[in-house]
Amino acid sequence: MSKRNTWENKQTARERLRAEREAQAKKEKTRRQLVVGGAVVGILAIAGGIAYGVSQLGGSGSSGKSTNAAWKAAADSSLVKPANTAGDKGTEIVIGKKDAKHTLEIYQDMRCPICSVFEQNVGETIDKDVKDGKYKLSYHVGTFLDRNPQIAGTGSKNALSALGAALNVSPEAFSAYNKALYSKANHPEETKDDYAEDDALLKVARQVPALKGNATFEKNVKDGTFDKWALEVSDSFDKAKDVTGTPTLKVDGKKLEVETVNGKGVPMTPQQFTPAIEKMLK
């Protein structure tokens, strides 16, 4: 073999190796982008009812007051339960007429994009049903998205603590604040930990008449008065072994689901929700 052929072969090998490396680098970059953004895009694409899978993994992250160190300190602090709660640790959050025969349980995470879509689509229907006494609401709020290593943060916990401050004002303030936090105008993308910042939570609260200018509410948010309580509520959520994603709905302990193109899922529109729940209330 001539020296020229040898050189050409080596050159071809180098070019092939470089091309392979560039392709691999591009593939790896695409994979990372899909990992971070896929949860939002993928979930919204199947918003017909597939619930977002619960991650039980630990993670780290910090933003503003709500750093992981602050939450570790909160875990060791004394429990302060908001008014209008029940149970030994105040983890029972029930909204509606106490004598309502049925209970609709809602399992949610404040950073969950599908929970936001569900509230935007079906929230008014549920509000009317609760007002009419068809059922009362029992909220179970988790913080599993904070533990997802791809989007780790503290926004779910911090928003839950702020909801506790709203519940301390009144059940009506809790419901209105929950709706405002999930609104299209306010709810951040899943990959953004905006609710880790007290200022972001307080900005949304100013849209709720009962919370706007409420000095006690604002102080409780800033001081993290209900941080320990938020952790207790989250722990209670985690004990529901049959809940594998959010939102999850149950009527008197039985899951409320409808048939979708992807199998069984949460009813995501009033047209799906109303007949499904009416059937279960019979």
C-alpha atoms as a PDB file:
ATOM      1  CA  MET A   1       0.000   0.000   0.000  1.00  0.00           C
ATOM      2  CA  SER A   2       1.356   3.413  -0.956  1.00  0.00           C
ATOM      3  CA  LYS A   3       1.977   6.158   1.562  1.00  0.00           C
ATOM      4  CA  ARG A   4      -0.710   8.210  -0.187  1.00  0.00           C
ATOM      5  CA  ASN A   5      -3.326   5.499   0.234  1.00  0.00           C
ATOM      6  CA  THR A   6      -2.289   5.081   3.859  1.00  0.00           C
ATOM      7  CA  TRP A   7      -2.624   8.826   4.476  1.00  0.00           C
ATOM      8  CA  GLU A   8      -6.017   8.934   2.707  1.00  0.00           C
ATOM      9  CA  ASN A   9      -7.284   6.014   4.747  1.00  0.00           C
ATOM     10  CA  LYS A  10      -6.178   7.667   7.976  1.00  0.00           C
ATOM     11  CA  GLN A  11      -7.730  10.955   6.865  1.00  0.00           C
ATOM     12  CA  THR A  12     -11.020   9.214   6.051  1.00  0.00           C
ATOM     13  CA  ALA A  13     -10.968   7.504   9.439  1.00  0.00           C
ATOM     14  CA  ARG A  14     -10.362  10.823  11.179  1.00  0.00           C
ATOM     15  CA  GLU A  15     -13.245  12.450   9.328  1.00  0.00           C
ATOM     16  CA  ARG A  16     -15.538   9.518  10.085  1.00  0.00           C
ATOM     17  CA  LEU A  17     -14.586   9.638  13.769  1.00  0.00           C
ATOM     18  CA  ARG A  18     -15.170  13.388  13.905  1.00  0.00           C
ATOM     19  CA  ALA A  19     -18.572  12.999  12.249  1.00  0.00           C
ATOM     20  CA  GLU A  20     -19.515  10.279  14.710  1.00  0.00           C
ATOM     21  CA  ARG A  21     -18.475  12.460  17.649  1.00  0.00           C
ATOM     22  CA  GLU A  22     -20.481  15.411  16.327  1.00  0.00           C
ATOM     23  CA  ALA A  23     -23.525  13.205  15.815  1.00  0.00           C
ATOM     24  CA  GLN A  24     -23.192  11.797  19.320  1.00  0.00           C
ATOM     25  CA  ALA A  25     -22.835  15.280  20.814  1.00  0.00           C
ATOM     26  CA  LYS A  26     -25.933  16.442  18.951  1.00  0.00           C
ATOM     27  CA  LYS A  27     -27.825  13.372  20.100  1.00  0.00           C
ATOM     28  CA  GLU A  28     -26.801  13.973  23.725  1.00  0.00           C
ATOM     29  CA  LYS A  29     -27.838  17.647  23.551  1.00  0.00           C
ATOM     30  CA  THR A  30     -31.235  16.649  22.147  1.00  0.00           C
ATOM     31  CA  ARG A  31     -31.645  14.046  24.893  1.00  0.00           C
ATOM     32  CA  ARG A  32     -30.951  16.619  27.606  1.00  0.00           C
ATOM     33  CA  GLN A  33     -33.456  19.029  26.087  1.00  0.00           C
ATOM     34  CA  LEU A  34     -36.093  16.314  25.917  1.00  0.00           C
ATOM     35  CA  VAL A  35     -35.491  15.306  29.507  1.00  0.00           C
ATOM     36  CA  VAL A  36     -36.007  18.850  30.748  1.00  0.00           C
ATOM     37  CA  GLY A  37     -38.782  19.924  28.423  1.00  0.00           C
ATOM     38  CA  GLY A  38     -40.428  16.616  27.649  1.00  0.00           C
ATOM     39  CA  ALA A  39     -42.478  16.505  30.825  1.00  0.00           C
ATOM     40  CA  VAL A  40     -44.318  19.711  29.963  1.00  0.00           C
ATOM     41  CA  VAL A  41     -44.719  19.092  26.249  1.00  0.00           C
ATOM     42  CA  GLY A  42     -45.547  15.438  26.635  1.00  0.00           C
ATOM     43  CA  ILE A  43     -48.078  15.954  29.399  1.00  0.00           C
ATOM     44  CA  LEU A  44     -49.868  18.786  27.650  1.00  0.00           C
ATOM     45  CA  ALA A  45     -50.048  16.669  24.527  1.00  0.00           C
ATOM     46  CA  ILE A  46     -51.985  14.006  26.415  1.00  0.00           C
ATOM     47  CA  ALA A  47     -54.046  16.339  28.551  1.00  0.00           C
ATOM     48  CA  GLY A  48     -57.077  14.202  27.736  1.00  0.00           C
ATOM     49  CA  GLY A  49     -56.528  12.430  30.990  1.00  0.00           C
ATOM     50  CA  ILE A  50     -53.171  10.761  31.476  1.00  0.00           C
ATOM     51  CA  ALA A  51     -51.937  11.827  34.889  1.00  0.00           C
ATOM     52  CA  TYR A  52     -48.429  13.012  35.433  1.00  0.00           C
ATOM     53  CA  GLY A  53     -46.306  10.271  37.032  1.00  0.00           C
ATOM     54  CA  VAL A  54     -45.200  10.834  40.572  1.00  0.00           C
ATOM     55  CA  SER A  55     -41.483  10.988  41.182  1.00  0.00           C
ATOM     56  CA  GLN A  56     -40.290   9.855  44.596  1.00  0.00           C
ATOM     57  CA  LEU A  57     -36.673  10.788  43.953  1.00  0.00           C
ATOM     58  CA  GLY A  58     -34.819  13.331  46.042  1.00  0.00           C
ATOM     59  CA  GLY A  59     -33.330  16.474  44.579  1.00  0.00           C
ATOM     60  CA  SER A  60     -31.758  19.754  45.438  1.00  0.00           C
ATOM     61  CA  GLY A  61     -32.504  23.300  44.492  1.00  0.00           C
ATOM     62  CA  SER A  62     -33.088  26.655  46.026  1.00  0.00           C
ATOM     63  CA  SER A  63     -34.679  29.979  45.293  1.00  0.00           C
ATOM     64  CA  GLY A  64     -35.287  32.993  47.497  1.00  0.00           C
ATOM     65  CA  LYS A  65     -36.271  32.292  51.091  1.00  0.00           C
ATOM     66  CA  SER A  66     -37.261  28.730  50.334  1.00  0.00           C
ATOM     67  CA  THR A  67     -33.930  26.955  50.220  1.00  0.00           C
ATOM     68  CA  ASN A  68     -33.557  23.284  51.064  1.00  0.00           C
ATOM     69  CA  ALA A  69     -31.765  24.329  54.252  1.00  0.00           C
ATOM     70  CA  ALA A  70     -34.792  26.408  55.244  1.00  0.00           C
ATOM     71  CA  TRP A  71     -37.077  23.456  54.668  1.00  0.00           C
ATOM     72  CA  LYS A  72     -34.861  21.148  56.692  1.00  0.00           C
ATOM     73  CA  ALA A  73     -35.143  23.659  59.517  1.00  0.00           C
ATOM     74  CA  ALA A  74     -38.916  23.768  59.029  1.00  0.00           C
ATOM     75  CA  ALA A  75     -39.087  19.997  59.429  1.00  0.00           C
ATOM     76  CA  ASP A  76     -37.623  20.368  62.928  1.00  0.00           C
ATOM     77  CA  SER A  77     -39.825  23.308  63.917  1.00  0.00           C
ATOM     78  CA  SER A  78     -43.061  23.298  65.901  1.00  0.00           C
ATOM     79  CA  LEU A  79     -46.232  22.566  63.955  1.00  0.00           C
ATOM     80  CA  VAL A  80     -48.627  25.463  63.456  1.00  0.00           C
ATOM     81  CA  LYS A  81     -51.920  24.364  61.916  1.00  0.00           C
ATOM     82  CA  PRO A  82     -53.985  26.818  59.855  1.00  0.00           C
ATOM     83  CA  ALA A  83     -57.507  27.543  60.950  1.00  0.00           C
ATOM     84  CA  ASN A  84     -60.217  25.641  59.054  1.00  0.00           C
ATOM     85  CA  THR A  85     -58.277  22.360  59.020  1.00  0.00           C
ATOM     86  CA  ALA A  86     -58.999  19.090  60.780  1.00  0.00           C
ATOM     87  CA  GLY A  87     -57.107  15.995  61.862  1.00  0.00           C
ATOM     88  CA  ASP A  88     -54.321  15.491  64.370  1.00  0.00           C
ATOM     89  CA  LYS A  89     -51.819  17.433  62.244  1.00  0.00           C
ATOM     90  CA  GLY A  90     -54.273  19.639  60.413  1.00  0.00           C
ATOM     91  CA  THR A  91     -53.785  17.782  57.147  1.00  0.00           C
ATOM     92  CA  GLU A  92     -57.507  17.425  56.433  1.00  0.00           C
ATOM     93  CA  ILE A  93     -58.592  20.233  54.102  1.00  0.00           C
ATOM     94  CA  VAL A  94     -62.320  20.074  53.414  1.00  0.00           C
ATOM     95  CA  ILE A  95     -64.184  22.740  51.470  1.00  0.00           C
ATOM     96  CA  GLY A  96     -67.957  22.889  51.118  1.00  0.00           C
ATOM     97  CA  LYS A  97     -71.066  22.010  53.092  1.00  0.00           C
ATOM     98  CA  LYS A  98     -70.225  19.682  55.968  1.00  0.00           C
ATOM     99  CA  ASP A  99     -73.474  17.765  55.549  1.00  0.00           C
ATOM    100  CA  ALA A 100     -72.849  17.005  51.861  1.00  0.00           C
ATOM    101  CA  LYS A 101     -73.426  13.285  51.374  1.00  0.00           C
ATOM    102  CA  HIS A 102     -70.505  12.737  48.995  1.00  0.00           C
ATOM    103  CA  THR A 103     -66.843  13.796  48.921  1.00  0.00           C
ATOM    104  CA  LEU A 104     -64.731  14.582  45.872  1.00  0.00           C
ATOM    105  CA  GLU A 105     -61.042  14.144  46.693  1.00  0.00           C
ATOM    106  CA  ILE A 106     -58.552  16.114  44.614  1.00  0.00           C
ATOM    107  CA  TYR A 107     -54.874  15.124  44.595  1.00  0.00           C
ATOM    108  CA  GLN A 108     -52.656  17.861  43.197  1.00  0.00           C
ATOM    109  CA  ASP A 109     -49.195  19.446  43.148  1.00  0.00           C
ATOM    110  CA  MET A 110     -48.987  23.232  42.856  1.00  0.00           C
ATOM    111  CA  ARG A 111     -46.309  23.017  40.135  1.00  0.00           C
ATOM    112  CA  CYS A 112     -48.238  20.423  38.100  1.00  0.00           C
ATOM    113  CA  PRO A 113     -49.183  21.779  34.641  1.00  0.00           C
ATOM    114  CA  ILE A 114     -52.052  19.323  34.161  1.00  0.00           C
ATOM    115  CA  CYS A 115     -53.518  20.312  37.535  1.00  0.00           C
ATOM    116  CA  SER A 116     -53.478  23.856  36.195  1.00  0.00           C
ATOM    117  CA  VAL A 117     -55.259  22.825  32.990  1.00  0.00           C
ATOM    118  CA  PHE A 118     -57.796  20.804  34.989  1.00  0.00           C
ATOM    119  CA  GLU A 119     -58.604  23.739  37.284  1.00  0.00           C
ATOM    120  CA  GLN A 120     -58.924  26.113  34.346  1.00  0.00           C
ATOM    121  CA  ASN A 121     -61.283  23.750  32.492  1.00  0.00           C
ATOM    122  CA  VAL A 122     -63.332  22.114  35.235  1.00  0.00           C
ATOM    123  CA  GLY A 123     -62.884  24.397  38.252  1.00  0.00           C
ATOM    124  CA  GLU A 124     -66.048  26.448  37.696  1.00  0.00           C
ATOM    125  CA  THR A 125     -68.135  23.294  37.269  1.00  0.00           C
ATOM    126  CA  ILE A 126     -66.803  21.935  40.569  1.00  0.00           C
ATOM    127  CA  ASP A 127     -67.416  25.274  42.313  1.00  0.00           C
ATOM    128  CA  LYS A 128     -71.071  25.189  41.242  1.00  0.00           C
ATOM    129  CA  ASP A 129     -71.515  21.575  42.335  1.00  0.00           C
ATOM    130  CA  VAL A 130     -70.015  22.334  45.754  1.00  0.00           C
ATOM    131  CA  LYS A 131     -72.235  25.403  46.152  1.00  0.00           C
ATOM    132  CA  ASP A 132     -75.264  23.256  45.262  1.00  0.00           C
ATOM    133  CA  GLY A 133     -74.242  20.698  47.890  1.00  0.00           C
ATOM    134  CA  LYS A 134     -73.699  17.801  45.491  1.00  0.00           C
ATOM    135  CA  TYR A 135     -70.433  17.020  47.284  1.00  0.00           C
ATOM    136  CA  LYS A 136     -67.740  18.597  49.413  1.00  0.00           C
ATOM    137  CA  LEU A 137     -64.066  18.804  48.422  1.00  0.00           C
ATOM    138  CA  SER A 138     -61.156  17.153  50.189  1.00  0.00           C
ATOM    139  CA  TYR A 139     -57.760  18.450  49.053  1.00  0.00           C
ATOM    140  CA  HIS A 140     -54.581  16.368  49.146  1.00  0.00           C
ATOM    141  CA  VAL A 141     -51.595  18.441  48.069  1.00  0.00           C
ATOM    142  CA  GLY A 142     -48.238  16.853  47.256  1.00  0.00           C
ATOM    143  CA  THR A 143     -44.789  18.284  46.577  1.00  0.00           C
ATOM    144  CA  PHE A 144     -43.245  15.484  44.515  1.00  0.00           C
ATOM    145  CA  LEU A 145     -42.235  17.783  41.656  1.00  0.00           C
ATOM    146  CA  ASP A 146     -39.804  19.537  44.001  1.00  0.00           C
ATOM    147  CA  ARG A 147     -38.039  16.179  44.328  1.00  0.00           C
ATOM    148  CA  ASN A 148     -37.780  15.515  40.592  1.00  0.00           C
ATOM    149  CA  PRO A 149     -34.030  15.846  39.893  1.00  0.00           C
ATOM    150  CA  GLN A 150     -34.645  17.363  36.464  1.00  0.00           C
ATOM    151  CA  ILE A 151     -36.678  20.297  37.809  1.00  0.00           C
ATOM    152  CA  ALA A 152     -35.788  20.200  41.502  1.00  0.00           C
ATOM    153  CA  GLY A 153     -36.814  23.159  43.610  1.00  0.00           C
ATOM    154  CA  THR A 154     -39.040  24.274  46.466  1.00  0.00           C
ATOM    155  CA  GLY A 155     -41.978  25.923  44.700  1.00  0.00           C
ATOM    156  CA  SER A 156     -44.495  23.171  45.436  1.00  0.00           C
ATOM    157  CA  LYS A 157     -43.775  23.330  49.173  1.00  0.00           C
ATOM    158  CA  ASN A 158     -43.719  27.113  49.297  1.00  0.00           C
ATOM    159  CA  ALA A 159     -47.010  27.451  47.406  1.00  0.00           C
ATOM    160  CA  LEU A 160     -48.588  24.852  49.706  1.00  0.00           C
ATOM    161  CA  SER A 161     -47.433  26.828  52.749  1.00  0.00           C
ATOM    162  CA  ALA A 162     -48.961  29.979  51.236  1.00  0.00           C
ATOM    163  CA  LEU A 163     -52.205  28.080  50.652  1.00  0.00           C
ATOM    164  CA  GLY A 164     -52.135  27.278  54.356  1.00  0.00           C
ATOM    165  CA  ALA A 165     -51.895  30.999  55.069  1.00  0.00           C
ATOM    166  CA  ALA A 166     -54.926  31.558  52.818  1.00  0.00           C
ATOM    167  CA  LEU A 167     -56.858  28.747  54.509  1.00  0.00           C
ATOM    168  CA  ASN A 168     -56.074  30.389  57.823  1.00  0.00           C
ATOM    169  CA  VAL A 169     -58.036  33.394  56.523  1.00  0.00           C
ATOM    170  CA  SER A 170     -61.037  31.387  55.288  1.00  0.00           C
ATOM    171  CA  PRO A 171     -61.990  28.352  53.164  1.00  0.00           C
ATOM    172  CA  GLU A 172     -63.226  30.783  50.521  1.00  0.00           C
ATOM    173  CA  ALA A 173     -59.835  32.518  50.428  1.00  0.00           C
ATOM    174  CA  PHE A 174     -58.140  29.133  50.049  1.00  0.00           C
ATOM    175  CA  SER A 175     -60.346  28.202  47.078  1.00  0.00           C
ATOM    176  CA  ALA A 176     -59.896  31.561  45.370  1.00  0.00           C
ATOM    177  CA  TYR A 177     -56.130  31.519  45.892  1.00  0.00           C
ATOM    178  CA  ASN A 178     -55.842  27.948  44.641  1.00  0.00           C
ATOM    179  CA  LYS A 179     -57.710  28.988  41.498  1.00  0.00           C
ATOM    180  CA  ALA A 180     -55.485  32.057  41.036  1.00  0.00           C
ATOM    181  CA  LEU A 181     -52.264  30.059  41.428  1.00  0.00           C
ATOM    182  CA  TYR A 182     -53.441  27.608  38.761  1.00  0.00           C
ATOM    183  CA  SER A 183     -54.726  30.254  36.342  1.00  0.00           C
ATOM    184  CA  LYS A 184     -53.260  30.466  32.866  1.00  0.00           C
ATOM    185  CA  ALA A 185     -52.009  33.982  33.540  1.00  0.00           C
ATOM    186  CA  ASN A 186     -50.122  33.037  36.709  1.00  0.00           C
ATOM    187  CA  HIS A 187     -49.070  29.405  36.633  1.00  0.00           C
ATOM    188  CA  PRO A 188     -45.392  29.050  35.656  1.00  0.00           C
ATOM    189  CA  GLU A 189     -43.996  26.424  33.356  1.00  0.00           C
ATOM    190  CA  GLU A 190     -43.178  23.198  35.145  1.00  0.00           C
ATOM    191  CA  THR A 191     -39.452  23.747  34.639  1.00  0.00           C
ATOM    192  CA  LYS A 192     -39.585  27.181  36.302  1.00  0.00           C
ATOM    193  CA  ASP A 193     -39.600  27.269  40.094  1.00  0.00           C
ATOM    194  CA  ASP A 194     -41.280  30.681  40.345  1.00  0.00           C
ATOM    195  CA  TYR A 195     -43.415  29.750  43.349  1.00  0.00           C
ATOM    196  CA  ALA A 196     -40.267  29.253  45.427  1.00  0.00           C
ATOM    197  CA  GLU A 197     -40.236  33.047  45.667  1.00  0.00           C
ATOM    198  CA  ASP A 198     -42.517  34.638  48.280  1.00  0.00           C
ATOM    199  CA  ASP A 199     -42.860  37.742  46.108  1.00  0.00           C
ATOM    200  CA  ALA A 200     -44.362  35.679  43.276  1.00  0.00           C
ATOM    201  CA  LEU A 201     -46.893  34.113  45.635  1.00  0.00           C
ATOM    202  CA  LEU A 202     -47.825  37.451  47.160  1.00  0.00           C
ATOM    203  CA  LYS A 203     -48.248  39.007  43.717  1.00  0.00           C
ATOM    204  CA  VAL A 204     -50.831  36.355  42.844  1.00  0.00           C
ATOM    205  CA  ALA A 205     -52.503  36.776  46.239  1.00  0.00           C
ATOM    206  CA  ARG A 206     -53.238  40.434  45.465  1.00  0.00           C
ATOM    207  CA  GLN A 207     -55.751  39.168  42.890  1.00  0.00           C
ATOM    208  CA  VAL A 208     -57.804  37.616  45.719  1.00  0.00           C
ATOM    209  CA  PRO A 209     -59.902  40.270  47.546  1.00  0.00           C
ATOM    210  CA  ALA A 210     -59.684  38.483  50.917  1.00  0.00           C
ATOM    211  CA  LEU A 211     -55.888  38.369  50.693  1.00  0.00           C
ATOM    212  CA  LYS A 212     -55.094  41.708  49.072  1.00  0.00           C
ATOM    213  CA  GLY A 213     -53.621  43.980  51.707  1.00  0.00           C
ATOM    214  CA  ASN A 214     -54.089  41.312  54.382  1.00  0.00           C
ATOM    215  CA  ALA A 215     -51.109  41.965  56.662  1.00  0.00           C
ATOM    216  CA  THR A 216     -51.512  38.752  58.672  1.00  0.00           C
ATOM    217  CA  PHE A 217     -51.603  36.633  55.532  1.00  0.00           C
ATOM    218  CA  GLU A 218     -48.530  38.347  54.085  1.00  0.00           C
ATOM    219  CA  LYS A 219     -46.601  37.956  57.337  1.00  0.00           C
ATOM    220  CA  ASN A 220     -47.432  34.250  57.514  1.00  0.00           C
ATOM    221  CA  VAL A 221     -46.176  33.755  53.956  1.00  0.00           C
ATOM    222  CA  LYS A 222     -42.939  35.656  54.544  1.00  0.00           C
ATOM    223  CA  ASP A 223     -42.301  34.060  57.952  1.00  0.00           C
ATOM    224  CA  GLY A 224     -43.084  30.556  56.699  1.00  0.00           C
ATOM    225  CA  THR A 225     -45.576  30.115  59.534  1.00  0.00           C
ATOM    226  CA  PHE A 226     -47.137  27.077  57.891  1.00  0.00           C
ATOM    227  CA  ASP A 227     -43.995  25.540  56.369  1.00  0.00           C
ATOM    228  CA  LYS A 228     -44.022  22.626  58.831  1.00  0.00           C
ATOM    229  CA  TRP A 229     -47.717  22.103  58.116  1.00  0.00           C
ATOM    230  CA  ALA A 230     -46.998  22.015  54.373  1.00  0.00           C
ATOM    231  CA  LEU A 231     -44.523  19.186  54.961  1.00  0.00           C
ATOM    232  CA  GLU A 232     -47.114  17.272  56.975  1.00  0.00           C
ATOM    233  CA  VAL A 233     -49.707  17.669  54.207  1.00  0.00           C
ATOM    234  CA  SER A 234     -47.142  16.481  51.670  1.00  0.00           C
ATOM    235  CA  ASP A 235     -46.300  13.440  53.799  1.00  0.00           C
ATOM    236  CA  SER A 236     -49.994  12.596  54.006  1.00  0.00           C
ATOM    237  CA  PHE A 237     -50.236  12.819  50.209  1.00  0.00           C
ATOM    238  CA  ASP A 238     -47.316  10.412  49.807  1.00  0.00           C
ATOM    239  CA  LYS A 239     -49.097   7.779  51.892  1.00  0.00           C
ATOM    240  CA  ALA A 240     -51.828   7.394  49.267  1.00  0.00           C
ATOM    241  CA  LYS A 241     -50.300   4.373  47.530  1.00  0.00           C
ATOM    242  CA  ASP A 242     -52.949   4.180  44.799  1.00  0.00           C
ATOM    243  CA  VAL A 243     -52.196   7.730  43.613  1.00  0.00           C
ATOM    244  CA  THR A 244     -49.590   7.547  40.872  1.00  0.00           C
ATOM    245  CA  GLY A 245     -49.954  11.004  39.383  1.00  0.00           C
ATOM    246  CA  THR A 246     -51.685  14.358  39.523  1.00  0.00           C
ATOM    247  CA  PRO A 247     -54.368  15.331  39.164  1.00  0.00           C
ATOM    248  CA  THR A 248     -56.111  12.291  40.631  1.00  0.00           C
ATOM    249  CA  LEU A 249     -59.799  12.436  41.520  1.00  0.00           C
ATOM    250  CA  LYS A 250     -61.760  10.168  43.850  1.00  0.00           C
ATOM    251  CA  VAL A 251     -65.434  10.111  44.735  1.00  0.00           C
ATOM    252  CA  ASP A 252     -66.022   8.599  48.163  1.00  0.00           C
ATOM    253  CA  GLY A 253     -62.671   6.822  47.861  1.00  0.00           C
ATOM    254  CA  LYS A 254     -63.171   5.457  44.331  1.00  0.00           C
ATOM    255  CA  LYS A 255     -61.190   6.910  41.426  1.00  0.00           C
ATOM    256  CA  LEU A 256     -63.098   9.101  38.998  1.00  0.00           C
ATOM    257  CA  GLU A 257     -61.903   8.271  35.481  1.00  0.00           C
ATOM    258  CA  VAL A 258     -63.179   8.354  31.913  1.00  0.00           C
ATOM    259  CA  GLU A 259     -62.231   6.479  28.778  1.00  0.00           C
ATOM    260  CA  THR A 260     -59.792   8.370  26.571  1.00  0.00           C
ATOM    261  CA  VAL A 261     -57.858   7.525  23.415  1.00  0.00           C
ATOM    262  CA  ASN A 262     -54.956   6.596  25.692  1.00  0.00           C
ATOM    263  CA  GLY A 263     -57.011   4.472  28.083  1.00  0.00           C
ATOM    264  CA  LYS A 264     -58.530   5.602  31.367  1.00  0.00           C
ATOM    265  CA  GLY A 265     -57.742   9.095  32.581  1.00  0.00           C
ATOM    266  CA  VAL A 266     -58.945  12.132  34.494  1.00  0.00           C
ATOM    267  CA  PRO A 267     -61.940  13.951  32.952  1.00  0.00           C
ATOM    268  CA  MET A 268     -60.360  17.157  31.713  1.00  0.00           C
ATOM    269  CA  THR A 269     -63.422  18.991  30.395  1.00  0.00           C
ATOM    270  CA  PRO A 270     -66.877  19.738  31.858  1.00  0.00           C
ATOM    271  CA  GLN A 271     -68.359  17.559  29.114  1.00  0.00           C
ATOM    272  CA  GLN A 272     -66.314  14.620  30.419  1.00  0.00           C
ATOM    273  CA  PHE A 273     -66.509  15.479  34.108  1.00  0.00           C
ATOM    274  CA  THR A 274     -70.230  16.079  34.668  1.00  0.00           C
ATOM    275  CA  PRO A 275     -71.648  12.775  33.351  1.00  0.00           C
ATOM    276  CA  ALA A 276     -68.796  10.823  34.968  1.00  0.00           C
ATOM    277  CA  ILE A 277     -69.404  12.246  38.444  1.00  0.00           C
ATOM    278  CA  GLU A 278     -73.188  12.135  38.135  1.00  0.00           C
ATOM    279  CA  LYS A 279     -72.891   8.414  37.463  1.00  0.00           C
ATOM    280  CA  MET A 280     -70.813   7.917  40.615  1.00  0.00           C
ATOM    281  CA  LEU A 281     -73.136  10.011  42.783  1.00  0.00           C
ATOM    282  CA  LYS A 282     -76.164   7.803  42.031  1.00  0.00           C
END
